[in-house]
PDB file of all heavy atoms in Angstrom:
ATOM      1  N   ILE A   1      -3.762 -13.922 -18.323  1.00  0.00           N
ATOM      2  CA  ILE A   1      -4.420 -14.423 -17.026  1.00  0.00           C
ATOM      3  C   ILE A   1      -4.761 -13.219 -16.116  1.00  0.00           C
ATOM      4  O   ILE A   1      -5.900 -13.063 -15.625  1.00  0.00           O
ATOM      5  CB  ILE A   1      -3.511 -15.531 -16.303  1.00  0.00           C
ATOM      6  CG1 ILE A   1      -3.421 -16.738 -17.253  1.00  0.00           C
ATOM      7  CG2 ILE A   1      -4.222 -15.816 -14.937  1.00  0.00           C
ATOM      8  CD1 ILE A   1      -2.465 -17.737 -16.628  1.00  0.00           C
ATOM      9  N   LYS A   2      -3.725 -12.369 -15.908  1.00  0.00           N
ATOM     10  CA  LYS A   2      -3.954 -11.239 -14.977  1.00  0.00           C
ATOM     11  C   LYS A   2      -5.131 -10.359 -15.472  1.00  0.00           C
ATOM     12  O   LYS A   2      -5.897  -9.768 -14.765  1.00  0.00           O
ATOM     13  CB  LYS A   2      -2.665 -10.414 -14.826  1.00  0.00           C
ATOM     14  CG  LYS A   2      -1.570 -11.143 -14.150  1.00  0.00           C
ATOM     15  CD  LYS A   2      -0.315 -10.310 -14.083  1.00  0.00           C
ATOM     16  CE  LYS A   2       0.855 -11.063 -13.461  1.00  0.00           C
ATOM     17  NZ  LYS A   2       0.612 -11.384 -12.089  1.00  0.00           N
ATOM     18  N   THR A   3      -5.184 -10.118 -16.799  1.00  0.00           N
ATOM     19  CA  THR A   3      -6.171  -9.230 -17.348  1.00  0.00           C
ATOM     20  C   THR A   3      -7.616  -9.826 -17.100  1.00  0.00           C
ATOM     21  O   THR A   3      -8.558  -9.046 -16.854  1.00  0.00           O
ATOM     22  CB  THR A   3      -5.996  -8.915 -18.802  1.00  0.00           C
ATOM     23  OG1 THR A   3      -4.654  -8.458 -19.015  1.00  0.00           O
ATOM     24  CG2 THR A   3      -6.967  -8.035 -19.455  1.00  0.00           C
ATOM     25  N   GLU A   4      -7.747 -11.148 -17.150  1.00  0.00           N
ATOM     26  CA  GLU A   4      -8.957 -11.774 -16.846  1.00  0.00           C
ATOM     27  C   GLU A   4      -9.547 -11.456 -15.485  1.00  0.00           C
ATOM     28  O   GLU A   4     -10.654 -11.115 -15.247  1.00  0.00           O
ATOM     29  CB  GLU A   4      -8.857 -13.274 -16.959  1.00  0.00           C
ATOM     30  CG  GLU A   4     -10.162 -14.000 -16.875  1.00  0.00           C
ATOM     31  CD  GLU A   4     -10.004 -15.504 -17.089  1.00  0.00           C
ATOM     32  OE1 GLU A   4      -8.791 -15.911 -17.355  1.00  0.00           O
ATOM     33  OE2 GLU A   4     -10.986 -16.177 -17.121  1.00  0.00           O
ATOM     34  N   PHE A   5      -8.627 -11.406 -14.483  1.00  0.00           N
ATOM     35  CA  PHE A   5      -8.977 -11.096 -13.120  1.00  0.00           C
ATOM     36  C   PHE A   5      -9.357  -9.633 -12.898  1.00  0.00           C
ATOM     37  O   PHE A   5     -10.227  -9.228 -12.233  1.00  0.00           O
ATOM     38  CB  PHE A   5      -7.916 -11.538 -12.087  1.00  0.00           C
ATOM     39  CG  PHE A   5      -7.678 -12.986 -12.085  1.00  0.00           C
ATOM     40  CD1 PHE A   5      -6.416 -13.555 -11.949  1.00  0.00           C
ATOM     41  CD2 PHE A   5      -8.780 -13.840 -11.966  1.00  0.00           C
ATOM     42  CE1 PHE A   5      -6.248 -14.923 -11.857  1.00  0.00           C
ATOM     43  CE2 PHE A   5      -8.585 -15.228 -11.902  1.00  0.00           C
ATOM     44  CZ  PHE A   5      -7.312 -15.732 -11.869  1.00  0.00           C
ATOM     45  N   LEU A   6      -8.540  -8.826 -13.681  1.00  0.00           N
ATOM     46  CA  LEU A   6      -8.822  -7.355 -13.628  1.00  0.00           C
ATOM     47  C   LEU A   6     -10.126  -7.017 -14.251  1.00  0.00           C
ATOM     48  O   LEU A   6     -10.871  -6.064 -13.780  1.00  0.00           O
ATOM     49  CB  LEU A   6      -7.708  -6.553 -14.373  1.00  0.00           C
ATOM     50  CG  LEU A   6      -6.292  -6.633 -13.717  1.00  0.00           C
ATOM     51  CD1 LEU A   6      -5.289  -5.943 -14.631  1.00  0.00           C
ATOM     52  CD2 LEU A   6      -6.340  -5.943 -12.327  1.00  0.00           C
ATOM     53  N   ILE A   7     -10.544  -7.779 -15.223  1.00  0.00           N
ATOM     54  CA  ILE A   7     -11.902  -7.560 -15.925  1.00  0.00           C
ATOM     55  C   ILE A   7     -12.938  -7.845 -14.849  1.00  0.00           C
ATOM     56  O   ILE A   7     -13.950  -7.074 -14.800  1.00  0.00           O
ATOM     57  CB  ILE A   7     -12.001  -8.505 -17.058  1.00  0.00           C
ATOM     58  CG1 ILE A   7     -11.208  -8.044 -18.231  1.00  0.00           C
ATOM     59  CG2 ILE A   7     -13.483  -8.619 -17.463  1.00  0.00           C
ATOM     60  CD1 ILE A   7     -11.132  -8.925 -19.468  1.00  0.00           C
ATOM     61  N   VAL A   8     -12.799  -8.910 -14.061  1.00  0.00           N
ATOM     62  CA  VAL A   8     -13.800  -9.198 -13.065  1.00  0.00           C
ATOM     63  C   VAL A   8     -13.967  -8.044 -12.016  1.00  0.00           C
ATOM     64  O   VAL A   8     -15.083  -7.647 -11.734  1.00  0.00           O
ATOM     65  CB  VAL A   8     -13.443 -10.477 -12.340  1.00  0.00           C
ATOM     66  CG1 VAL A   8     -14.508 -10.784 -11.162  1.00  0.00           C
ATOM     67  CG2 VAL A   8     -13.503 -11.665 -13.304  1.00  0.00           C
ATOM     68  N   LEU A   9     -12.860  -7.514 -11.651  1.00  0.00           N
ATOM     69  CA  LEU A   9     -12.910  -6.396 -10.641  1.00  0.00           C
ATOM     70  C   LEU A   9     -13.586  -5.173 -11.302  1.00  0.00           C
ATOM     71  O   LEU A   9     -14.329  -4.421 -10.646  1.00  0.00           O
ATOM     72  CB  LEU A   9     -11.535  -6.118 -10.145  1.00  0.00           C
ATOM     73  CG  LEU A   9     -10.777  -7.217  -9.484  1.00  0.00           C
ATOM     74  CD1 LEU A   9      -9.409  -6.848  -8.989  1.00  0.00           C
ATOM     75  CD2 LEU A   9     -11.588  -7.776  -8.276  1.00  0.00           C
ATOM     76  N   LEU A  10     -13.180  -4.851 -12.496  1.00  0.00           N
ATOM     77  CA  LEU A  10     -13.727  -3.644 -13.207  1.00  0.00           C
ATOM     78  C   LEU A  10     -15.247  -3.832 -13.343  1.00  0.00           C
ATOM     79  O   LEU A  10     -16.067  -2.905 -13.171  1.00  0.00           O
ATOM     80  CB  LEU A  10     -13.065  -3.406 -14.460  1.00  0.00           C
ATOM     81  CG  LEU A  10     -13.549  -2.164 -15.298  1.00  0.00           C
ATOM     82  CD1 LEU A  10     -13.400  -0.948 -14.564  1.00  0.00           C
ATOM     83  CD2 LEU A  10     -12.860  -2.176 -16.706  1.00  0.00           C
ATOM     84  N   ARG A  11     -15.704  -5.073 -13.833  1.00  0.00           N
ATOM     85  CA  ARG A  11     -17.090  -5.242 -14.052  1.00  0.00           C
ATOM     86  C   ARG A  11     -17.932  -4.998 -12.792  1.00  0.00           C
ATOM     87  O   ARG A  11     -18.954  -4.446 -12.757  1.00  0.00           O
ATOM     88  CB  ARG A  11     -17.298  -6.744 -14.505  1.00  0.00           C
ATOM     89  CG  ARG A  11     -16.882  -6.981 -15.983  1.00  0.00           C
ATOM     90  CD  ARG A  11     -16.939  -8.427 -16.267  1.00  0.00           C
ATOM     91  NE  ARG A  11     -18.394  -8.833 -16.376  1.00  0.00           N
ATOM     92  CZ  ARG A  11     -19.140  -8.863 -17.539  1.00  0.00           C
ATOM     93  NH1 ARG A  11     -18.593  -8.464 -18.667  1.00  0.00           N
ATOM     94  NH2 ARG A  11     -20.409  -9.371 -17.515  1.00  0.00           N
ATOM     95  N   LEU A  12     -17.396  -5.562 -11.682  1.00  0.00           N
ATOM     96  CA  LEU A  12     -18.110  -5.395 -10.429  1.00  0.00           C
ATOM     97  C   LEU A  12     -18.120  -4.024  -9.930  1.00  0.00           C
ATOM     98  O   LEU A  12     -19.192  -3.481  -9.457  1.00  0.00           O
ATOM     99  CB  LEU A  12     -17.387  -6.278  -9.399  1.00  0.00           C
ATOM    100  CG  LEU A  12     -18.127  -6.488  -8.016  1.00  0.00           C
ATOM    101  CD1 LEU A  12     -19.500  -7.044  -8.221  1.00  0.00           C
ATOM    102  CD2 LEU A  12     -17.278  -7.359  -7.008  1.00  0.00           C
ATOM    103  N   ALA A  13     -17.096  -3.207 -10.199  1.00  0.00           N
ATOM    104  CA  ALA A  13     -17.085  -1.830  -9.816  1.00  0.00           C
ATOM    105  C   ALA A  13     -18.106  -0.985 -10.613  1.00  0.00           C
ATOM    106  O   ALA A  13     -18.786  -0.166 -10.103  1.00  0.00           O
ATOM    107  CB  ALA A  13     -15.660  -1.230  -9.921  1.00  0.00           C
ATOM    108  N   VAL A  14     -18.141  -1.287 -11.941  1.00  0.00           N
ATOM    109  CA  VAL A  14     -19.045  -0.646 -12.806  1.00  0.00           C
ATOM    110  C   VAL A  14     -20.526  -0.941 -12.427  1.00  0.00           C
ATOM    111  O   VAL A  14     -21.324  -0.001 -12.399  1.00  0.00           O
ATOM    112  CB  VAL A  14     -18.784  -0.970 -14.234  1.00  0.00           C
ATOM    113  CG1 VAL A  14     -19.863  -0.439 -15.193  1.00  0.00           C
ATOM    114  CG2 VAL A  14     -17.374  -0.404 -14.668  1.00  0.00           C
ATOM    115  N   LEU A  15     -20.727  -2.262 -12.091  1.00  0.00           N
ATOM    116  CA  LEU A  15     -22.091  -2.624 -11.744  1.00  0.00           C
ATOM    117  C   LEU A  15     -22.565  -1.891 -10.472  1.00  0.00           C
ATOM    118  O   LEU A  15     -23.794  -1.427 -10.465  1.00  0.00           O
ATOM    119  CB  LEU A  15     -22.035  -4.122 -11.552  1.00  0.00           C
ATOM    120  CG  LEU A  15     -23.277  -4.923 -11.248  1.00  0.00           C
ATOM    121  CD1 LEU A  15     -23.298  -6.340 -11.620  1.00  0.00           C
ATOM    122  CD2 LEU A  15     -23.713  -4.769  -9.778  1.00  0.00           C
ATOM    123  N   LEU A  16     -21.712  -1.794  -9.490  1.00  0.00           N
ATOM    124  CA  LEU A  16     -22.162  -1.122  -8.232  1.00  0.00           C
ATOM    125  C   LEU A  16     -22.368   0.373  -8.470  1.00  0.00           C
ATOM    126  O   LEU A  16     -23.030   0.947  -7.525  1.00  0.00           O
ATOM    127  CB  LEU A  16     -21.044  -1.383  -7.195  1.00  0.00           C
ATOM    128  CG  LEU A  16     -21.013  -2.877  -6.712  1.00  0.00           C
ATOM    129  CD1 LEU A  16     -19.901  -2.993  -5.660  1.00  0.00           C
ATOM    130  CD2 LEU A  16     -22.352  -3.340  -6.103  1.00  0.00           C
ATOM    131  N   HIS A  17     -21.829   0.953  -9.527  1.00  0.00           N
ATOM    132  CA  HIS A  17     -21.997   2.421  -9.684  1.00  0.00           C
ATOM    133  C   HIS A  17     -22.936   2.664 -10.851  1.00  0.00           C
ATOM    134  O   HIS A  17     -22.940   3.735 -11.404  1.00  0.00           O
ATOM    135  CB  HIS A  17     -20.669   3.065  -9.858  1.00  0.00           C
ATOM    136  CG  HIS A  17     -19.848   3.162  -8.638  1.00  0.00           C
ATOM    137  ND1 HIS A  17     -20.124   4.051  -7.634  1.00  0.00           N
ATOM    138  CD2 HIS A  17     -18.780   2.359  -8.181  1.00  0.00           C
ATOM    139  CE1 HIS A  17     -19.193   3.884  -6.714  1.00  0.00           C
ATOM    140  NE2 HIS A  17     -18.395   2.838  -6.947  1.00  0.00           N
ATOM    141  N   ARG A  18     -23.777   1.680 -11.228  1.00  0.00           N
ATOM    142  CA  ARG A  18     -24.681   1.857 -12.324  1.00  0.00           C
ATOM    143  C   ARG A  18     -25.541   3.133 -12.086  1.00  0.00           C
ATOM    144  O   ARG A  18     -26.012   3.755 -13.013  1.00  0.00           O
ATOM    145  CB  ARG A  18     -25.493   0.628 -12.547  1.00  0.00           C
ATOM    146  CG  ARG A  18     -26.472   0.632 -13.700  1.00  0.00           C
ATOM    147  CD  ARG A  18     -27.250  -0.600 -13.900  1.00  0.00           C
ATOM    148  NE  ARG A  18     -28.209  -0.487 -14.955  1.00  0.00           N
ATOM    149  CZ  ARG A  18     -29.022  -1.417 -15.308  1.00  0.00           C
ATOM    150  NH1 ARG A  18     -28.926  -2.601 -14.663  1.00  0.00           N
ATOM    151  NH2 ARG A  18     -29.926  -1.309 -16.291  1.00  0.00           N
ATOM    152  N   GLY A  19     -25.998   3.391 -10.880  1.00  0.00           N
ATOM    153  CA  GLY A  19     -26.941   4.449 -10.622  1.00  0.00           C
ATOM    154  C   GLY A  19     -26.323   5.827 -10.671  1.00  0.00           C
ATOM    155  O   GLY A  19     -27.043   6.824 -10.543  1.00  0.00           O
ATOM    156  N   ARG A  20     -25.060   5.886 -10.788  1.00  0.00           N
ATOM    157  CA  ARG A  20     -24.260   7.125 -10.911  1.00  0.00           C
ATOM    158  C   ARG A  20     -24.579   8.117  -9.744  1.00  0.00           C
ATOM    159  O   ARG A  20     -24.464   9.335  -9.812  1.00  0.00           O
ATOM    160  CB  ARG A  20     -24.514   7.850 -12.306  1.00  0.00           C
ATOM    161  CG  ARG A  20     -24.555   6.916 -13.492  1.00  0.00           C
ATOM    162  CD  ARG A  20     -24.770   7.645 -14.750  1.00  0.00           C
ATOM    163  NE  ARG A  20     -23.653   8.370 -15.293  1.00  0.00           N
ATOM    164  CZ  ARG A  20     -22.583   7.796 -15.942  1.00  0.00           C
ATOM    165  NH1 ARG A  20     -22.734   6.571 -16.331  1.00  0.00           N
ATOM    166  NH2 ARG A  20     -21.571   8.548 -16.347  1.00  0.00           N
ATOM    167  N   SER A  21     -24.824   7.512  -8.617  1.00  0.00           N
ATOM    168  CA  SER A  21     -25.122   8.324  -7.394  1.00  0.00           C
ATOM    169  C   SER A  21     -23.931   8.754  -6.671  1.00  0.00           C
ATOM    170  O   SER A  21     -22.945   8.115  -6.636  1.00  0.00           O
ATOM    171  CB  SER A  21     -25.942   7.443  -6.456  1.00  0.00           C
ATOM    172  OG  SER A  21     -26.233   8.178  -5.240  1.00  0.00           O
ATOM    173  N   ALA A  22     -24.005  10.029  -6.159  1.00  0.00           N
ATOM    174  CA  ALA A  22     -22.925  10.578  -5.405  1.00  0.00           C
ATOM    175  C   ALA A  22     -22.940  10.072  -3.936  1.00  0.00           C
ATOM    176  O   ALA A  22     -21.958  10.333  -3.178  1.00  0.00           O
ATOM    177  CB  ALA A  22     -22.960  12.013  -5.381  1.00  0.00           C
ATOM    178  N   ALA A  23     -24.034   9.365  -3.589  1.00  0.00           N
ATOM    179  CA  ALA A  23     -24.118   8.817  -2.216  1.00  0.00           C
ATOM    180  C   ALA A  23     -23.000   7.793  -1.948  1.00  0.00           C
ATOM    181  O   ALA A  23     -22.615   7.037  -2.917  1.00  0.00           O
ATOM    182  CB  ALA A  23     -25.481   8.191  -2.037  1.00  0.00           C
ATOM    183  N   ALA A  24     -22.568   7.719  -0.774  1.00  0.00           N
ATOM    184  CA  ALA A  24     -21.490   6.807  -0.398  1.00  0.00           C
ATOM    185  C   ALA A  24     -21.946   5.380  -0.566  1.00  0.00           C
ATOM    186  O   ALA A  24     -23.004   5.032  -0.168  1.00  0.00           O
ATOM    187  CB  ALA A  24     -20.993   7.030   1.011  1.00  0.00           C
ATOM    188  N   GLN A  25     -21.016   4.535  -1.111  1.00  0.00           N
ATOM    189  CA  GLN A  25     -21.408   3.111  -1.297  1.00  0.00           C
ATOM    190  C   GLN A  25     -21.151   2.354  -0.045  1.00  0.00           C
ATOM    191  O   GLN A  25     -20.204   2.741   0.788  1.00  0.00           O
ATOM    192  CB  GLN A  25     -20.621   2.494  -2.456  1.00  0.00           C
ATOM    193  CG  GLN A  25     -20.919   3.050  -3.787  1.00  0.00           C
ATOM    194  CD  GLN A  25     -22.312   2.450  -4.271  1.00  0.00           C
ATOM    195  OE1 GLN A  25     -22.542   1.273  -4.079  1.00  0.00           O
ATOM    196  NE2 GLN A  25     -23.059   3.394  -4.777  1.00  0.00           N
ATOM    197  N   PRO A  26     -21.800   1.213   0.230  1.00  0.00           N
ATOM    198  CA  PRO A  26     -21.455   0.497   1.411  1.00  0.00           C
ATOM    199  C   PRO A  26     -20.170  -0.223   1.278  1.00  0.00           C
ATOM    200  O   PRO A  26     -19.640  -0.423   0.186  1.00  0.00           O
ATOM    201  CB  PRO A  26     -22.631  -0.535   1.443  1.00  0.00           C
ATOM    202  CG  PRO A  26     -22.978  -0.735  -0.041  1.00  0.00           C
ATOM    203  CD  PRO A  26     -22.831   0.606  -0.645  1.00  0.00           C
ATOM    204  N   ARG A  27     -19.582  -0.544   2.467  1.00  0.00           N
ATOM    205  CA  ARG A  27     -18.345  -1.362   2.355  1.00  0.00           C
ATOM    206  C   ARG A  27     -18.599  -2.727   1.807  1.00  0.00           C
ATOM    207  O   ARG A  27     -19.494  -3.459   2.341  1.00  0.00           O
ATOM    208  CB  ARG A  27     -17.757  -1.429   3.787  1.00  0.00           C
ATOM    209  CG  ARG A  27     -16.607  -2.376   3.921  1.00  0.00           C
ATOM    210  CD  ARG A  27     -15.378  -1.906   3.207  1.00  0.00           C
ATOM    211  NE  ARG A  27     -14.249  -2.705   3.356  1.00  0.00           N
ATOM    212  CZ  ARG A  27     -13.118  -2.661   2.726  1.00  0.00           C
ATOM    213  NH1 ARG A  27     -12.944  -1.664   1.852  1.00  0.00           N
ATOM    214  NH2 ARG A  27     -12.063  -3.468   2.910  1.00  0.00           N
TER     215      ARG A  27
END
């Protein structure tokens, strides 16, 4: 169960950094 939730967090983090930009991300 815990790994399922960790997957969601990792997916979202990867998605937000898809552009591989060094610019700061919004909060």
